[in-house]
Amino acid sequence: MSIPRDKIDKLVKELEQLDEKDAEQAVIVIEDFIRKKKNIKRTKPSDYRGALKHLNFSAEEESKKIRDEWKREWE
């Protein structure tokens, strides 16, 4: 199913008339509508909190390992 071009143009013209804050809110509403239509869940970082906890993962140690692997031009 495709939307007729004239309806899209009309929507864009209406969005262009809004100030930035209102246009931003309109985009959020449209994104939520599309997400509901496609049944896409919005992910939150808190959903993944603790996902690597059981692996004893340390972001600081892993970052240090990766940095140590970099080839630096001045060395």
PDB file of N, CA and C in Angstrom:
ATOM      1  N   MET A   1       0.843  -1.177   0.000  1.00  0.00           N
ATOM      2  CA  MET A   1       0.000   0.000   0.000  1.00  0.00           C
ATOM      3  C   MET A   1       0.890   1.241   0.000  1.00  0.00           C
ATOM      4  N   SER A   2       0.639   2.131  -0.911  1.00  0.00           N
ATOM      5  CA  SER A   2       1.417   3.363  -0.947  1.00  0.00           C
ATOM      6  C   SER A   2       0.478   4.560  -0.750  1.00  0.00           C
ATOM      7  N   ILE A   3       1.051   5.601  -0.209  1.00  0.00           N
ATOM      8  CA  ILE A   3       0.289   6.816   0.062  1.00  0.00           C
ATOM      9  C   ILE A   3       0.382   7.712  -1.164  1.00  0.00           C
ATOM     10  N   PRO A   4      -0.744   8.260  -1.596  1.00  0.00           N
ATOM     11  CA  PRO A   4      -0.703   9.175  -2.741  1.00  0.00           C
ATOM     12  C   PRO A   4       0.215  10.366  -2.459  1.00  0.00           C
ATOM     13  N   ARG A   5       0.938  10.759  -3.483  1.00  0.00           N
ATOM     14  CA  ARG A   5       1.932  11.836  -3.353  1.00  0.00           C
ATOM     15  C   ARG A   5       1.313  13.134  -2.838  1.00  0.00           C
ATOM     16  N   ASP A   6       0.078  13.435  -3.237  1.00  0.00           N
ATOM     17  CA  ASP A   6      -0.552  14.691  -2.812  1.00  0.00           C
ATOM     18  C   ASP A   6      -0.810  14.703  -1.301  1.00  0.00           C
ATOM     19  N   LYS A   7      -1.107  13.546  -0.710  1.00  0.00           N
ATOM     20  CA  LYS A   7      -1.308  13.486   0.738  1.00  0.00           C
ATOM     21  C   LYS A   7       0.008  13.700   1.475  1.00  0.00           C
ATOM     22  N   ILE A   8       1.082  13.133   0.964  1.00  0.00           N
ATOM     23  CA  ILE A   8       2.402  13.325   1.577  1.00  0.00           C
ATOM     24  C   ILE A   8       2.802  14.791   1.482  1.00  0.00           C
ATOM     25  N   ASP A   9       2.593  15.398   0.302  1.00  0.00           N
ATOM     26  CA  ASP A   9       2.926  16.814   0.124  1.00  0.00           C
ATOM     27  C   ASP A   9       2.134  17.699   1.089  1.00  0.00           C
ATOM     28  N   LYS A  10       0.867  17.379   1.268  1.00  0.00           N
ATOM     29  CA  LYS A  10       0.015  18.149   2.181  1.00  0.00           C
ATOM     30  C   LYS A  10       0.533  18.032   3.619  1.00  0.00           C
ATOM     31  N   LEU A  11       0.916  16.832   4.029  1.00  0.00           N
ATOM     32  CA  LEU A  11       1.448  16.619   5.369  1.00  0.00           C
ATOM     33  C   LEU A  11       2.760  17.387   5.574  1.00  0.00           C
ATOM     34  N   VAL A  12       3.627  17.340   4.580  1.00  0.00           N
ATOM     35  CA  VAL A  12       4.914  18.045   4.667  1.00  0.00           C
ATOM     36  C   VAL A  12       4.684  19.553   4.773  1.00  0.00           C
ATOM     37  N   LYS A  13       3.761  20.081   3.997  1.00  0.00           N
ATOM     38  CA  LYS A  13       3.468  21.521   4.056  1.00  0.00           C
ATOM     39  C   LYS A  13       2.962  21.929   5.438  1.00  0.00           C
ATOM     40  N   GLU A  14       2.125  21.076   6.018  1.00  0.00           N
ATOM     41  CA  GLU A  14       1.614  21.369   7.359  1.00  0.00           C
ATOM     42  C   GLU A  14       2.739  21.326   8.391  1.00  0.00           C
ATOM     43  N   LEU A  15       3.641  20.367   8.252  1.00  0.00           N
ATOM     44  CA  LEU A  15       4.767  20.276   9.182  1.00  0.00           C
ATOM     45  C   LEU A  15       5.697  21.476   9.041  1.00  0.00           C
ATOM     46  N   GLU A  16       5.883  21.957   7.824  1.00  0.00           N
ATOM     47  CA  GLU A  16       6.762  23.109   7.600  1.00  0.00           C
ATOM     48  C   GLU A  16       6.218  24.379   8.248  1.00  0.00           C
ATOM     49  N   GLN A  17       4.920  24.460   8.446  1.00  0.00           N
ATOM     50  CA  GLN A  17       4.312  25.645   9.048  1.00  0.00           C
ATOM     51  C   GLN A  17       4.454  25.662  10.567  1.00  0.00           C
ATOM     52  N   LEU A  18       4.781  24.533  11.158  1.00  0.00           N
ATOM     53  CA  LEU A  18       4.927  24.455  12.608  1.00  0.00           C
ATOM     54  C   LEU A  18       6.274  25.005  13.043  1.00  0.00           C
ATOM     55  N   ASP A  19       6.320  25.504  14.283  1.00  0.00           N
ATOM     56  CA  ASP A  19       7.624  25.908  14.801  1.00  0.00           C
ATOM     57  C   ASP A  19       8.406  24.639  15.153  1.00  0.00           C
ATOM     58  N   GLU A  20       9.670  24.805  15.453  1.00  0.00           N
ATOM     59  CA  GLU A  20      10.564  23.647  15.633  1.00  0.00           C
ATOM     60  C   GLU A  20      10.090  22.698  16.726  1.00  0.00           C
ATOM     61  N   LYS A  21       9.661  23.251  17.832  1.00  0.00           N
ATOM     62  CA  LYS A  21       9.235  22.416  18.964  1.00  0.00           C
ATOM     63  C   LYS A  21       7.992  21.594  18.609  1.00  0.00           C
ATOM     64  N   ASP A  22       7.011  22.239  17.967  1.00  0.00           N
ATOM     65  CA  ASP A  22       5.792  21.536  17.583  1.00  0.00           C
ATOM     66  C   ASP A  22       6.071  20.494  16.503  1.00  0.00           C
ATOM     67  N   ALA A  23       6.964  20.826  15.578  1.00  0.00           N
ATOM     68  CA  ALA A  23       7.313  19.874  14.516  1.00  0.00           C
ATOM     69  C   ALA A  23       7.996  18.647  15.113  1.00  0.00           C
ATOM     70  N   GLU A  24       8.835  18.871  16.109  1.00  0.00           N
ATOM     71  CA  GLU A  24       9.518  17.762  16.781  1.00  0.00           C
ATOM     72  C   GLU A  24       8.493  16.851  17.453  1.00  0.00           C
ATOM     73  N   GLN A  25       7.504  17.440  18.122  1.00  0.00           N
ATOM     74  CA  GLN A  25       6.452  16.650  18.759  1.00  0.00           C
ATOM     75  C   GLN A  25       5.658  15.863  17.716  1.00  0.00           C
ATOM     76  N   ALA A  26       5.387  16.484  16.567  1.00  0.00           N
ATOM     77  CA  ALA A  26       4.645  15.804  15.506  1.00  0.00           C
ATOM     78  C   ALA A  26       5.423  14.594  14.991  1.00  0.00           C
ATOM     79  N   VAL A  27       6.722  14.754  14.856  1.00  0.00           N
ATOM     80  CA  VAL A  27       7.558  13.643  14.384  1.00  0.00           C
ATOM     81  C   VAL A  27       7.531  12.496  15.396  1.00  0.00           C
ATOM     82  N   ILE A  28       7.569  12.820  16.667  1.00  0.00           N
ATOM     83  CA  ILE A  28       7.513  11.791  17.704  1.00  0.00           C
ATOM     84  C   ILE A  28       6.186  11.029  17.623  1.00  0.00           C
ATOM     85  N   VAL A  29       5.100  11.752  17.425  1.00  0.00           N
ATOM     86  CA  VAL A  29       3.787  11.117  17.303  1.00  0.00           C
ATOM     87  C   VAL A  29       3.750  10.204  16.081  1.00  0.00           C
ATOM     88  N   ILE A  30       4.301  10.675  14.970  1.00  0.00           N
ATOM     89  CA  ILE A  30       4.323   9.874  13.743  1.00  0.00           C
ATOM     90  C   ILE A  30       5.183   8.631  13.928  1.00  0.00           C
ATOM     91  N   GLU A  31       6.347   8.782  14.570  1.00  0.00           N
ATOM     92  CA  GLU A  31       7.217   7.627  14.817  1.00  0.00           C
ATOM     93  C   GLU A  31       6.518   6.600  15.701  1.00  0.00           C
ATOM     94  N   ASP A  32       5.817   7.070  16.735  1.00  0.00           N
ATOM     95  CA  ASP A  32       5.079   6.152  17.611  1.00  0.00           C
ATOM     96  C   ASP A  32       3.977   5.430  16.847  1.00  0.00           C
ATOM     97  N   PHE A  33       3.295   6.151  15.968  1.00  0.00           N
ATOM     98  CA  PHE A  33       2.246   5.549  15.145  1.00  0.00           C
ATOM     99  C   PHE A  33       2.827   4.441  14.261  1.00  0.00           C
ATOM    100  N   ILE A  34       3.947   4.727  13.616  1.00  0.00           N
ATOM    101  CA  ILE A  34       4.591   3.728  12.745  1.00  0.00           C
ATOM    102  C   ILE A  34       5.051   2.534  13.563  1.00  0.00           C
ATOM    103  N   ARG A  35       5.626   2.794  14.723  1.00  0.00           N
ATOM    104  CA  ARG A  35       6.104   1.719  15.601  1.00  0.00           C
ATOM    105  C   ARG A  35       4.949   0.799  15.996  1.00  0.00           C
ATOM    106  N   LYS A  36       3.792   1.388  16.318  1.00  0.00           N
ATOM    107  CA  LYS A  36       2.619   0.585  16.686  1.00  0.00           C
ATOM    108  C   LYS A  36       2.112  -0.216  15.491  1.00  0.00           C
ATOM    109  N   LYS A  37       2.110   0.407  14.318  1.00  0.00           N
ATOM    110  CA  LYS A  37       1.654  -0.282  13.113  1.00  0.00           C
ATOM    111  C   LYS A  37       2.546  -1.472  12.782  1.00  0.00           C
ATOM    112  N   LYS A  38       3.851  -1.281  12.950  1.00  0.00           N
ATOM    113  CA  LYS A  38       4.804  -2.345  12.637  1.00  0.00           C
ATOM    114  C   LYS A  38       5.054  -3.253  13.833  1.00  0.00           C
ATOM    115  N   ASN A  39       4.430  -2.913  14.971  1.00  0.00           N
ATOM    116  CA  ASN A  39       4.576  -3.678  16.203  1.00  0.00           C
ATOM    117  C   ASN A  39       6.042  -3.749  16.642  1.00  0.00           C
ATOM    118  N   ILE A  40       6.721  -2.610  16.569  1.00  0.00           N
ATOM    119  CA  ILE A  40       8.112  -2.507  16.975  1.00  0.00           C
ATOM    120  C   ILE A  40       8.155  -1.942  18.388  1.00  0.00           C
ATOM    121  N   LYS A  41       8.854  -2.619  19.263  1.00  0.00           N
ATOM    122  CA  LYS A  41       8.979  -2.131  20.630  1.00  0.00           C
ATOM    123  C   LYS A  41      10.171  -1.185  20.722  1.00  0.00           C
ATOM    124  N   ARG A  42       9.984  -0.101  21.430  1.00  0.00           N
ATOM    125  CA  ARG A  42      11.066   0.856  21.656  1.00  0.00           C
ATOM    126  C   ARG A  42      11.976   0.277  22.747  1.00  0.00           C
ATOM    127  N   THR A  43      13.239   0.157  22.435  1.00  0.00           N
ATOM    128  CA  THR A  43      14.169  -0.412  23.408  1.00  0.00           C
ATOM    129  C   THR A  43      14.718   0.678  24.309  1.00  0.00           C
ATOM    130  N   LYS A  44      14.951   0.291  25.528  1.00  0.00           N
ATOM    131  CA  LYS A  44      15.520   1.206  26.501  1.00  0.00           C
ATOM    132  C   LYS A  44      16.822   0.599  27.004  1.00  0.00           C
ATOM    133  N   PRO A  45      17.824   1.424  27.280  1.00  0.00           N
ATOM    134  CA  PRO A  45      19.080   0.882  27.808  1.00  0.00           C
ATOM    135  C   PRO A  45      18.866   0.063  29.077  1.00  0.00           C
ATOM    136  N   SER A  46      17.879   0.453  29.873  1.00  0.00           N
ATOM    137  CA  SER A  46      17.633  -0.278  31.119  1.00  0.00           C
ATOM    138  C   SER A  46      17.167  -1.709  30.868  1.00  0.00           C
ATOM    139  N   ASP A  47      16.645  -1.990  29.671  1.00  0.00           N
ATOM    140  CA  ASP A  47      16.243  -3.356  29.331  1.00  0.00           C
ATOM    141  C   ASP A  47      17.447  -4.287  29.269  1.00  0.00           C
ATOM    142  N   TYR A  48      18.615  -3.735  28.986  1.00  0.00           N
ATOM    143  CA  TYR A  48      19.821  -4.543  28.811  1.00  0.00           C
ATOM    144  C   TYR A  48      20.756  -4.466  30.012  1.00  0.00           C
ATOM    145  N   ARG A  49      20.341  -3.760  31.026  1.00  0.00           N
ATOM    146  CA  ARG A  49      21.178  -3.616  32.213  1.00  0.00           C
ATOM    147  C   ARG A  49      21.428  -4.989  32.838  1.00  0.00           C
ATOM    148  N   GLY A  50      22.665  -5.279  33.047  1.00  0.00           N
ATOM    149  CA  GLY A  50      23.021  -6.553  33.653  1.00  0.00           C
ATOM    150  C   GLY A  50      23.143  -7.699  32.672  1.00  0.00           C
ATOM    151  N   ALA A  51      22.996  -7.436  31.377  1.00  0.00           N
ATOM    152  CA  ALA A  51      23.069  -8.502  30.386  1.00  0.00           C
ATOM    153  C   ALA A  51      24.438  -9.164  30.377  1.00  0.00           C
ATOM    154  N   LEU A  52      25.494  -8.425  30.663  1.00  0.00           N
ATOM    155  CA  LEU A  52      26.849  -8.982  30.670  1.00  0.00           C
ATOM    156  C   LEU A  52      27.374  -9.198  32.088  1.00  0.00           C
ATOM    157  N   LYS A  53      26.518  -8.965  33.071  1.00  0.00           N
ATOM    158  CA  LYS A  53      26.960  -9.057  34.458  1.00  0.00           C
ATOM    159  C   LYS A  53      27.471 -10.458  34.796  1.00  0.00           C
ATOM    160  N   HIS A  54      26.803 -11.484  34.308  1.00  0.00           N
ATOM    161  CA  HIS A  54      27.203 -12.853  34.632  1.00  0.00           C
ATOM    162  C   HIS A  54      28.520 -13.260  33.959  1.00  0.00           C
ATOM    163  N   LEU A  55      28.992 -12.446  33.009  1.00  0.00           N
ATOM    164  CA  LEU A  55      30.253 -12.743  32.321  1.00  0.00           C
ATOM    165  C   LEU A  55      31.449 -12.060  32.981  1.00  0.00           C
ATOM    166  N   ASN A  56      31.207 -11.356  34.083  1.00  0.00           N
ATOM    167  CA  ASN A  56      32.260 -10.590  34.759  1.00  0.00           C
ATOM    168  C   ASN A  56      32.959  -9.652  33.771  1.00  0.00           C
ATOM    169  N   PHE A  57      32.174  -8.992  32.959  1.00  0.00           N
ATOM    170  CA  PHE A  57      32.664  -8.073  31.935  1.00  0.00           C
ATOM    171  C   PHE A  57      33.019  -6.738  32.574  1.00  0.00           C
ATOM    172  N   SER A  58      34.211  -6.252  32.275  1.00  0.00           N
ATOM    173  CA  SER A  58      34.640  -4.949  32.770  1.00  0.00           C
ATOM    174  C   SER A  58      34.914  -4.050  31.569  1.00  0.00           C
ATOM    175  N   ALA A  59      34.099  -3.026  31.424  1.00  0.00           N
ATOM    176  CA  ALA A  59      34.254  -2.112  30.289  1.00  0.00           C
ATOM    177  C   ALA A  59      35.613  -1.418  30.330  1.00  0.00           C
ATOM    178  N   GLU A  60      36.073  -1.074  31.517  1.00  0.00           N
ATOM    179  CA  GLU A  60      37.368  -0.395  31.638  1.00  0.00           C
ATOM    180  C   GLU A  60      38.514  -1.298  31.176  1.00  0.00           C
ATOM    181  N   GLU A  61      38.506  -2.549  31.594  1.00  0.00           N
ATOM    182  CA  GLU A  61      39.571  -3.474  31.197  1.00  0.00           C
ATOM    183  C   GLU A  61      39.530  -3.760  29.699  1.00  0.00           C
ATOM    184  N   GLU A  62      38.333  -3.947  29.147  1.00  0.00           N
ATOM    185  CA  GLU A  62      38.204  -4.207  27.718  1.00  0.00           C
ATOM    186  C   GLU A  62      38.658  -2.999  26.908  1.00  0.00           C
ATOM    187  N   SER A  63      38.323  -1.802  27.372  1.00  0.00           N
ATOM    188  CA  SER A  63      38.750  -0.581  26.680  1.00  0.00           C
ATOM    189  C   SER A  63      40.270  -0.479  26.667  1.00  0.00           C
ATOM    190  N   LYS A  64      40.890  -0.814  27.796  1.00  0.00           N
ATOM    191  CA  LYS A  64      42.349  -0.755  27.891  1.00  0.00           C
ATOM    192  C   LYS A  64      42.995  -1.748  26.920  1.00  0.00           C
ATOM    193  N   LYS A  65      42.433  -2.969  26.838  1.00  0.00           N
ATOM    194  CA  LYS A  65      42.960  -3.977  25.916  1.00  0.00           C
ATOM    195  C   LYS A  65      42.882  -3.480  24.471  1.00  0.00           C
ATOM    196  N   ILE A  66      41.744  -2.910  24.130  1.00  0.00           N
ATOM    197  CA  ILE A  66      41.562  -2.418  22.757  1.00  0.00           C
ATOM    198  C   ILE A  66      42.527  -1.274  22.472  1.00  0.00           C
ATOM    199  N   ARG A  67      42.677  -0.359  23.422  1.00  0.00           N
ATOM    200  CA  ARG A  67      43.608   0.752  23.230  1.00  0.00           C
ATOM    201  C   ARG A  67      45.035   0.264  23.067  1.00  0.00           C
ATOM    202  N   ASP A  68      45.408  -0.772  23.812  1.00  0.00           N
ATOM    203  CA  ASP A  68      46.756  -1.330  23.712  1.00  0.00           C
ATOM    204  C   ASP A  68      47.013  -1.955  22.341  1.00  0.00           C
ATOM    205  N   GLU A  69      45.957  -2.402  21.658  1.00  0.00           N
ATOM    206  CA  GLU A  69      46.102  -3.025  20.346  1.00  0.00           C
ATOM    207  C   GLU A  69      46.263  -2.000  19.225  1.00  0.00           C
ATOM    208  N   TRP A  70      45.892  -0.760  19.468  1.00  0.00           N
ATOM    209  CA  TRP A  70      45.987   0.264  18.432  1.00  0.00           C
ATOM    210  C   TRP A  70      47.444   0.492  18.035  1.00  0.00           C
ATOM    211  N   LYS A  71      47.655   0.680  16.765  1.00  0.00           N
ATOM    212  CA  LYS A  71      48.984   1.055  16.283  1.00  0.00           C
ATOM    213  C   LYS A  71      49.014   2.575  16.185  1.00  0.00           C
ATOM    214  N   ARG A  72      49.861   3.164  16.977  1.00  0.00           N
ATOM    215  CA  ARG A  72      49.940   4.618  16.987  1.00  0.00           C
ATOM    216  C   ARG A  72      51.054   5.077  16.055  1.00  0.00           C
ATOM    217  N   GLU A  73      50.790   6.136  15.343  1.00  0.00           N
ATOM    218  CA  GLU A  73      51.747   6.647  14.359  1.00  0.00           C
ATOM    219  C   GLU A  73      52.986   7.219  15.016  1.00  0.00           C
ATOM    220  N   TRP A  74      52.867   7.722  16.241  1.00  0.00           N
ATOM    221  CA  TRP A  74      54.021   8.356  16.881  1.00  0.00           C
ATOM    222  C   TRP A  74      54.944   7.346  17.570  1.00  0.00           C
ATOM    223  N   GLU A  75      54.558   6.090  17.614  1.00  0.00           N
ATOM    224  CA  GLU A  75      55.415   5.087  18.256  1.00  0.00           C
ATOM    225  C   GLU A  75      56.365   4.462  17.274  1.00  0.00           C
TER     226      GLU A  75
END
